[in-house]
Amino acid sequence: MSPLYTDPSRDKTIVAVVAEPFDIVALEKIGVFHGTYHVLGGLISPIDGISPEALHIPELLKRIDEDSVKEIILATNASVEGETTAMYIQQQIENKDITLTRLARGLPIGVDLEYADHITLQRALEGRTNV
C-alpha cells in the first residue's frame, strides 16, 4: 500500500487514475489534490501490444466498491492511447453510481493562440467555461 493511500487525511472516495507513478509526482507538486491515486501501469496501445488486460483496471474496479468511491478523475494524457484508455474505463464503470470526470484540456496560460495546435484549440473551445 502506498503512503498516499494509507494517509488518513486523504479522501479515498476520490481517485485520480494515472498511467504511471511519475504522473502522481506532477499532480502532488501543485498540492491541491487530496484524494488518492490509482496507477494503471501504462495505457492501452494495440500497436505496442498493450491491451486492457495488461493494465490494473480490475484493481480499480475493486477499489471503487471497497472504498465506496464517489468520483473517478481520469488523469490520462490527451494522446490517442490516453483517450482510448479513458473511454475503456468509462465503459467499465458506466453501470456504477459514480461521478466520472476528466482533467481539463486546453490552452496553457501564456500561450498565444497562433502557436497552439488544432487539437489543443479544439479542446479549449469545447471546455470553455462561463465568466
N, C-alpha and C. Protein backbone atom coordinates (compact mmCIF):
# COMPACT_ATOMS: atom_id res chain seq x y z
N MET A 1 0.84 -1.20 0.00
CA MET A 1 0.00 0.00 0.00
C MET A 1 0.88 1.25 0.00
N SER A 2 0.48 2.21 -0.76
CA SER A 2 1.19 3.46 -0.87
C SER A 2 0.94 4.35 0.35
N PRO A 3 1.94 5.13 0.76
CA PRO A 3 1.71 6.07 1.87
C PRO A 3 0.62 7.09 1.55
N LEU A 4 0.46 7.45 0.28
CA LEU A 4 -0.60 8.39 -0.09
C LEU A 4 -1.97 7.74 0.10
N TYR A 5 -2.05 6.43 -0.12
CA TYR A 5 -3.33 5.73 0.03
C TYR A 5 -3.67 5.54 1.50
N THR A 6 -2.67 5.23 2.31
CA THR A 6 -2.93 4.96 3.73
C THR A 6 -2.99 6.21 4.59
N ASP A 7 -2.63 7.36 4.05
CA ASP A 7 -2.68 8.62 4.78
C ASP A 7 -4.13 8.93 5.16
N PRO A 8 -4.44 9.02 6.46
CA PRO A 8 -5.82 9.25 6.88
C PRO A 8 -6.38 10.61 6.46
N SER A 9 -5.52 11.55 6.08
CA SER A 9 -6.02 12.86 5.64
C SER A 9 -6.47 12.84 4.18
N ARG A 10 -6.21 11.74 3.47
CA ARG A 10 -6.61 11.61 2.07
C ARG A 10 -8.04 11.10 1.97
N ASP A 11 -8.77 11.61 0.97
CA ASP A 11 -10.15 11.20 0.72
C ASP A 11 -10.15 10.02 -0.25
N LYS A 12 -10.43 8.82 0.27
CA LYS A 12 -10.41 7.62 -0.55
C LYS A 12 -11.62 7.51 -1.48
N THR A 13 -12.58 8.42 -1.34
CA THR A 13 -13.75 8.37 -2.22
C THR A 13 -13.52 9.13 -3.53
N ILE A 14 -12.36 9.79 -3.64
CA ILE A 14 -11.99 10.50 -4.87
C ILE A 14 -10.67 9.91 -5.35
N VAL A 15 -10.67 9.35 -6.56
CA VAL A 15 -9.49 8.66 -7.08
C VAL A 15 -9.09 9.25 -8.43
N ALA A 16 -7.85 9.70 -8.52
CA ALA A 16 -7.29 10.15 -9.79
C ALA A 16 -6.60 8.96 -10.44
N VAL A 17 -7.03 8.62 -11.63
CA VAL A 17 -6.47 7.48 -12.37
C VAL A 17 -5.37 8.01 -13.29
N VAL A 18 -4.15 7.51 -13.07
CA VAL A 18 -3.00 7.95 -13.85
C VAL A 18 -2.35 6.75 -14.53
N ALA A 19 -1.58 7.02 -15.57
CA ALA A 19 -0.92 5.95 -16.32
C ALA A 19 0.29 5.41 -15.56
N GLU A 20 1.13 6.30 -15.05
CA GLU A 20 2.40 5.90 -14.44
C GLU A 20 2.63 6.64 -13.13
N PRO A 21 3.50 6.11 -12.27
CA PRO A 21 3.79 6.78 -10.98
C PRO A 21 4.30 8.21 -11.13
N PHE A 22 5.03 8.51 -12.21
CA PHE A 22 5.54 9.87 -12.41
C PHE A 22 4.42 10.89 -12.53
N ASP A 23 3.24 10.44 -12.99
CA ASP A 23 2.10 11.34 -13.09
C ASP A 23 1.64 11.82 -11.71
N ILE A 24 1.80 10.97 -10.72
CA ILE A 24 1.44 11.35 -9.34
C ILE A 24 2.33 12.49 -8.87
N VAL A 25 3.60 12.39 -9.18
CA VAL A 25 4.56 13.43 -8.77
C VAL A 25 4.12 14.79 -9.31
N ALA A 26 3.72 14.82 -10.58
CA ALA A 26 3.29 16.08 -11.20
C ALA A 26 2.07 16.64 -10.49
N LEU A 27 1.10 15.80 -10.18
CA LEU A 27 -0.11 16.27 -9.50
C LEU A 27 0.17 16.67 -8.06
N GLU A 28 1.05 15.96 -7.38
CA GLU A 28 1.36 16.27 -5.99
C GLU A 28 2.12 17.59 -5.84
N LYS A 29 2.88 17.97 -6.86
CA LYS A 29 3.64 19.22 -6.80
C LYS A 29 2.75 20.43 -6.62
N ILE A 30 1.53 20.39 -7.16
CA ILE A 30 0.66 21.56 -7.05
C ILE A 30 -0.04 21.63 -5.69
N GLY A 31 -0.12 20.50 -4.99
CA GLY A 31 -0.61 20.50 -3.61
C GLY A 31 -2.08 20.78 -3.40
N VAL A 32 -2.92 20.57 -4.41
CA VAL A 32 -4.35 20.87 -4.23
C VAL A 32 -5.24 19.62 -4.28
N PHE A 33 -4.69 18.49 -4.68
CA PHE A 33 -5.49 17.26 -4.74
C PHE A 33 -5.30 16.47 -3.46
N HIS A 34 -6.40 16.13 -2.80
CA HIS A 34 -6.32 15.43 -1.52
C HIS A 34 -7.02 14.08 -1.54
N GLY A 35 -7.27 13.59 -2.75
CA GLY A 35 -7.82 12.25 -2.89
C GLY A 35 -6.69 11.25 -2.96
N THR A 36 -6.97 10.07 -3.52
CA THR A 36 -5.94 9.06 -3.70
C THR A 36 -5.73 8.83 -5.20
N TYR A 37 -4.76 8.00 -5.51
CA TYR A 37 -4.40 7.74 -6.89
C TYR A 37 -4.54 6.26 -7.21
N HIS A 38 -4.73 5.99 -8.49
CA HIS A 38 -4.68 4.61 -8.97
C HIS A 38 -3.80 4.61 -10.21
N VAL A 39 -2.71 3.85 -10.17
CA VAL A 39 -1.76 3.77 -11.27
C VAL A 39 -2.12 2.57 -12.15
N LEU A 40 -2.37 2.86 -13.43
CA LEU A 40 -2.76 1.81 -14.37
C LEU A 40 -1.58 0.94 -14.81
N GLY A 41 -0.38 1.51 -14.80
CA GLY A 41 0.78 0.78 -15.30
C GLY A 41 0.93 0.86 -16.80
N GLY A 42 0.42 1.94 -17.38
CA GLY A 42 0.51 2.14 -18.82
C GLY A 42 -0.81 2.59 -19.40
N LEU A 43 -0.88 2.60 -20.72
CA LEU A 43 -2.08 2.98 -21.44
C LEU A 43 -2.35 1.94 -22.52
N ILE A 44 -3.61 1.78 -22.88
CA ILE A 44 -3.97 0.85 -23.95
C ILE A 44 -3.30 1.30 -25.24
N SER A 45 -2.57 0.37 -25.85
CA SER A 45 -1.85 0.67 -27.09
C SER A 45 -1.67 -0.61 -27.89
N PRO A 46 -2.65 -0.92 -28.75
CA PRO A 46 -2.55 -2.15 -29.54
C PRO A 46 -1.26 -2.24 -30.37
N ILE A 47 -0.78 -1.11 -30.85
CA ILE A 47 0.46 -1.10 -31.65
C ILE A 47 1.64 -1.61 -30.83
N ASP A 48 1.63 -1.26 -29.52
CA ASP A 48 2.71 -1.70 -28.63
C ASP A 48 2.38 -3.01 -27.92
N GLY A 49 1.23 -3.60 -28.27
CA GLY A 49 0.84 -4.87 -27.65
C GLY A 49 0.30 -4.73 -26.24
N ILE A 50 -0.18 -3.53 -25.88
CA ILE A 50 -0.72 -3.31 -24.53
C ILE A 50 -2.24 -3.30 -24.61
N SER A 51 -2.85 -4.34 -24.09
CA SER A 51 -4.30 -4.48 -24.09
C SER A 51 -4.84 -4.05 -22.72
N PRO A 52 -6.15 -3.87 -22.60
CA PRO A 52 -6.72 -3.52 -21.29
C PRO A 52 -6.38 -4.54 -20.20
N GLU A 53 -6.23 -5.81 -20.60
CA GLU A 53 -5.91 -6.85 -19.64
C GLU A 53 -4.51 -6.67 -19.02
N ALA A 54 -3.64 -5.93 -19.68
CA ALA A 54 -2.29 -5.71 -19.17
C ALA A 54 -2.24 -4.60 -18.12
N LEU A 55 -3.33 -3.88 -17.97
CA LEU A 55 -3.36 -2.74 -17.04
C LEU A 55 -4.07 -3.11 -15.74
N HIS A 56 -3.93 -2.26 -14.74
CA HIS A 56 -4.52 -2.50 -13.41
C HIS A 56 -5.95 -1.98 -13.33
N ILE A 57 -6.76 -2.34 -14.31
CA ILE A 57 -8.15 -1.90 -14.33
C ILE A 57 -9.03 -2.73 -13.39
N PRO A 58 -8.84 -4.07 -13.31
CA PRO A 58 -9.64 -4.83 -12.34
C PRO A 58 -9.45 -4.35 -10.90
N GLU A 59 -8.23 -3.97 -10.58
CA GLU A 59 -7.95 -3.45 -9.23
C GLU A 59 -8.69 -2.14 -8.98
N LEU A 60 -8.79 -1.31 -10.03
CA LEU A 60 -9.55 -0.06 -9.92
C LEU A 60 -11.01 -0.36 -9.65
N LEU A 61 -11.59 -1.29 -10.38
CA LEU A 61 -12.99 -1.64 -10.19
C LEU A 61 -13.24 -2.18 -8.77
N LYS A 62 -12.29 -2.93 -8.26
CA LYS A 62 -12.38 -3.45 -6.89
C LYS A 62 -12.33 -2.30 -5.88
N ARG A 63 -11.43 -1.36 -6.09
CA ARG A 63 -11.31 -0.19 -5.20
C ARG A 63 -12.59 0.62 -5.18
N ILE A 64 -13.22 0.77 -6.34
CA ILE A 64 -14.46 1.55 -6.41
C ILE A 64 -15.47 1.00 -5.43
N ASP A 65 -15.59 -0.31 -5.39
CA ASP A 65 -16.54 -0.94 -4.48
C ASP A 65 -16.06 -0.91 -3.03
N GLU A 66 -14.82 -1.29 -2.79
CA GLU A 66 -14.30 -1.41 -1.42
C GLU A 66 -14.20 -0.07 -0.70
N ASP A 67 -13.85 0.99 -1.43
CA ASP A 67 -13.67 2.31 -0.80
C ASP A 67 -14.88 3.22 -1.00
N SER A 68 -15.97 2.69 -1.54
CA SER A 68 -17.17 3.49 -1.81
C SER A 68 -16.83 4.77 -2.57
N VAL A 69 -16.06 4.61 -3.64
CA VAL A 69 -15.59 5.74 -4.43
C VAL A 69 -16.78 6.49 -5.03
N LYS A 70 -16.72 7.82 -4.90
CA LYS A 70 -17.78 8.69 -5.43
C LYS A 70 -17.39 9.33 -6.76
N GLU A 71 -16.06 9.56 -6.93
CA GLU A 71 -15.59 10.23 -8.15
C GLU A 71 -14.30 9.61 -8.63
N ILE A 72 -14.26 9.36 -9.94
CA ILE A 72 -13.04 8.94 -10.62
C ILE A 72 -12.63 10.11 -11.52
N ILE A 73 -11.39 10.56 -11.36
CA ILE A 73 -10.83 11.61 -12.21
C ILE A 73 -9.89 10.93 -13.20
N LEU A 74 -10.24 10.94 -14.46
CA LEU A 74 -9.37 10.36 -15.47
C LEU A 74 -8.26 11.36 -15.78
N ALA A 75 -7.06 11.03 -15.34
CA ALA A 75 -5.92 11.93 -15.49
C ALA A 75 -4.90 11.32 -16.45
N THR A 76 -5.41 10.76 -17.55
CA THR A 76 -4.52 10.20 -18.57
C THR A 76 -4.19 11.28 -19.58
N ASN A 77 -3.14 11.04 -20.35
CA ASN A 77 -2.69 12.01 -21.35
C ASN A 77 -3.75 12.23 -22.42
N ALA A 78 -3.63 13.33 -23.13
CA ALA A 78 -4.55 13.65 -24.22
C ALA A 78 -4.10 13.03 -25.53
N SER A 79 -3.39 11.92 -25.45
CA SER A 79 -2.95 11.20 -26.64
C SER A 79 -4.03 10.21 -27.07
N VAL A 80 -3.83 9.58 -28.21
CA VAL A 80 -4.78 8.56 -28.66
C VAL A 80 -4.86 7.44 -27.63
N GLU A 81 -3.71 7.03 -27.10
CA GLU A 81 -3.68 5.97 -26.09
C GLU A 81 -4.39 6.39 -24.80
N GLY A 82 -4.15 7.63 -24.38
CA GLY A 82 -4.80 8.14 -23.17
C GLY A 82 -6.29 8.24 -23.31
N GLU A 83 -6.74 8.70 -24.48
CA GLU A 83 -8.18 8.82 -24.74
C GLU A 83 -8.84 7.44 -24.84
N THR A 84 -8.15 6.50 -25.48
CA THR A 84 -8.68 5.14 -25.60
C THR A 84 -8.82 4.50 -24.23
N THR A 85 -7.81 4.67 -23.40
CA THR A 85 -7.84 4.11 -22.06
C THR A 85 -8.96 4.74 -21.24
N ALA A 86 -9.12 6.05 -21.34
CA ALA A 86 -10.19 6.75 -20.61
C ALA A 86 -11.56 6.25 -21.06
N MET A 87 -11.74 6.05 -22.36
CA MET A 87 -13.02 5.55 -22.87
C MET A 87 -13.28 4.13 -22.38
N TYR A 88 -12.25 3.31 -22.34
CA TYR A 88 -12.41 1.93 -21.87
C TYR A 88 -12.83 1.92 -20.40
N ILE A 89 -12.18 2.74 -19.58
CA ILE A 89 -12.55 2.81 -18.16
C ILE A 89 -13.98 3.32 -18.02
N GLN A 90 -14.34 4.30 -18.81
CA GLN A 90 -15.71 4.83 -18.78
C GLN A 90 -16.72 3.71 -19.05
N GLN A 91 -16.44 2.88 -20.03
CA GLN A 91 -17.33 1.76 -20.36
C GLN A 91 -17.41 0.76 -19.20
N GLN A 92 -16.30 0.55 -18.52
CA GLN A 92 -16.27 -0.42 -17.43
C GLN A 92 -17.06 0.03 -16.21
N ILE A 93 -17.19 1.33 -16.01
CA ILE A 93 -17.87 1.82 -14.80
C ILE A 93 -19.22 2.48 -15.09
N GLU A 94 -19.70 2.37 -16.34
CA GLU A 94 -20.93 3.08 -16.71
C GLU A 94 -22.15 2.64 -15.91
N ASN A 95 -22.16 1.44 -15.37
CA ASN A 95 -23.31 0.97 -14.59
C ASN A 95 -23.17 1.23 -13.10
N LYS A 96 -22.11 1.89 -12.70
CA LYS A 96 -21.89 2.20 -11.29
C LYS A 96 -22.37 3.63 -11.01
N ASP A 97 -22.83 3.84 -9.80
CA ASP A 97 -23.28 5.17 -9.39
C ASP A 97 -22.07 5.98 -8.94
N ILE A 98 -21.40 6.57 -9.91
CA ILE A 98 -20.14 7.25 -9.65
C ILE A 98 -19.99 8.42 -10.61
N THR A 99 -19.39 9.49 -10.13
CA THR A 99 -19.11 10.64 -10.99
C THR A 99 -17.79 10.40 -11.70
N LEU A 100 -17.80 10.57 -13.00
CA LEU A 100 -16.59 10.39 -13.80
C LEU A 100 -16.21 11.74 -14.38
N THR A 101 -15.01 12.21 -14.07
CA THR A 101 -14.54 13.49 -14.59
C THR A 101 -13.22 13.28 -15.32
N ARG A 102 -12.84 14.29 -16.06
CA ARG A 102 -11.61 14.26 -16.86
C ARG A 102 -10.86 15.54 -16.58
N LEU A 103 -9.54 15.47 -16.50
CA LEU A 103 -8.77 16.70 -16.35
C LEU A 103 -9.09 17.62 -17.52
N ALA A 104 -9.15 18.91 -17.26
CA ALA A 104 -9.44 19.88 -18.31
C ALA A 104 -8.31 19.88 -19.33
N ARG A 105 -8.66 20.17 -20.55
CA ARG A 105 -7.69 20.25 -21.63
C ARG A 105 -7.81 21.63 -22.26
N GLY A 106 -6.74 22.12 -22.78
CA GLY A 106 -6.85 23.40 -23.46
C GLY A 106 -5.56 24.17 -23.46
N LEU A 107 -5.69 25.47 -23.52
CA LEU A 107 -4.54 26.35 -23.66
C LEU A 107 -3.88 26.62 -22.31
N PRO A 108 -2.58 26.44 -22.24
CA PRO A 108 -1.88 26.82 -21.02
C PRO A 108 -1.79 28.35 -20.93
N ILE A 109 -1.68 28.84 -19.72
CA ILE A 109 -1.55 30.29 -19.52
C ILE A 109 -0.27 30.77 -20.18
N GLY A 110 -0.37 31.88 -20.89
CA GLY A 110 0.80 32.48 -21.51
C GLY A 110 1.07 32.05 -22.93
N VAL A 111 0.22 31.17 -23.49
CA VAL A 111 0.44 30.70 -24.86
C VAL A 111 -0.42 31.53 -25.81
N ASP A 112 0.19 32.00 -26.88
CA ASP A 112 -0.55 32.74 -27.90
C ASP A 112 -1.34 31.75 -28.76
N LEU A 113 -2.55 32.14 -29.14
CA LEU A 113 -3.40 31.28 -29.96
C LEU A 113 -2.71 30.83 -31.24
N GLU A 114 -1.96 31.73 -31.84
CA GLU A 114 -1.35 31.40 -33.13
C GLU A 114 -0.35 30.25 -33.02
N TYR A 115 0.15 29.95 -31.83
CA TYR A 115 1.13 28.89 -31.67
C TYR A 115 0.53 27.58 -31.16
N ALA A 116 -0.74 27.57 -30.87
CA ALA A 116 -1.40 26.36 -30.36
C ALA A 116 -1.78 25.44 -31.52
N ASP A 117 -1.64 24.14 -31.31
CA ASP A 117 -2.03 23.19 -32.34
C ASP A 117 -3.56 23.07 -32.38
N HIS A 118 -4.07 22.46 -33.44
CA HIS A 118 -5.53 22.42 -33.64
C HIS A 118 -6.25 21.57 -32.58
N ILE A 119 -5.62 20.52 -32.09
CA ILE A 119 -6.26 19.69 -31.07
C ILE A 119 -6.39 20.46 -29.76
N THR A 120 -5.35 21.19 -29.39
CA THR A 120 -5.39 21.99 -28.17
C THR A 120 -6.45 23.07 -28.28
N LEU A 121 -6.52 23.73 -29.43
CA LEU A 121 -7.54 24.76 -29.64
C LEU A 121 -8.95 24.17 -29.59
N GLN A 122 -9.12 23.00 -30.18
CA GLN A 122 -10.43 22.35 -30.16
C GLN A 122 -10.83 22.02 -28.72
N ARG A 123 -9.92 21.48 -27.94
CA ARG A 123 -10.21 21.14 -26.54
C ARG A 123 -10.51 22.39 -25.73
N ALA A 124 -9.77 23.45 -25.98
CA ALA A 124 -10.00 24.69 -25.26
C ALA A 124 -11.39 25.24 -25.58
N LEU A 125 -11.79 25.16 -26.82
CA LEU A 125 -13.11 25.64 -27.22
C LEU A 125 -14.21 24.77 -26.62
N GLU A 126 -14.03 23.45 -26.68
CA GLU A 126 -15.03 22.54 -26.12
C GLU A 126 -15.15 22.67 -24.59
N GLY A 127 -14.03 22.97 -23.92
CA GLY A 127 -14.03 23.03 -22.46
C GLY A 127 -14.20 24.42 -21.90
N ARG A 128 -14.70 25.34 -22.70
CA ARG A 128 -14.84 26.72 -22.23
C ARG A 128 -15.82 26.78 -21.06
N THR A 129 -15.65 27.79 -20.21
CA THR A 129 -16.47 27.94 -19.02
C THR A 129 -17.13 29.32 -19.00
N ASN A 130 -18.16 29.46 -18.21
CA ASN A 130 -18.83 30.75 -18.05
C ASN A 130 -17.94 31.71 -17.30
N VAL A 131 -18.06 32.99 -17.61
CA VAL A 131 -17.25 34.02 -16.96
C VAL A 131 -18.16 34.85 -16.08
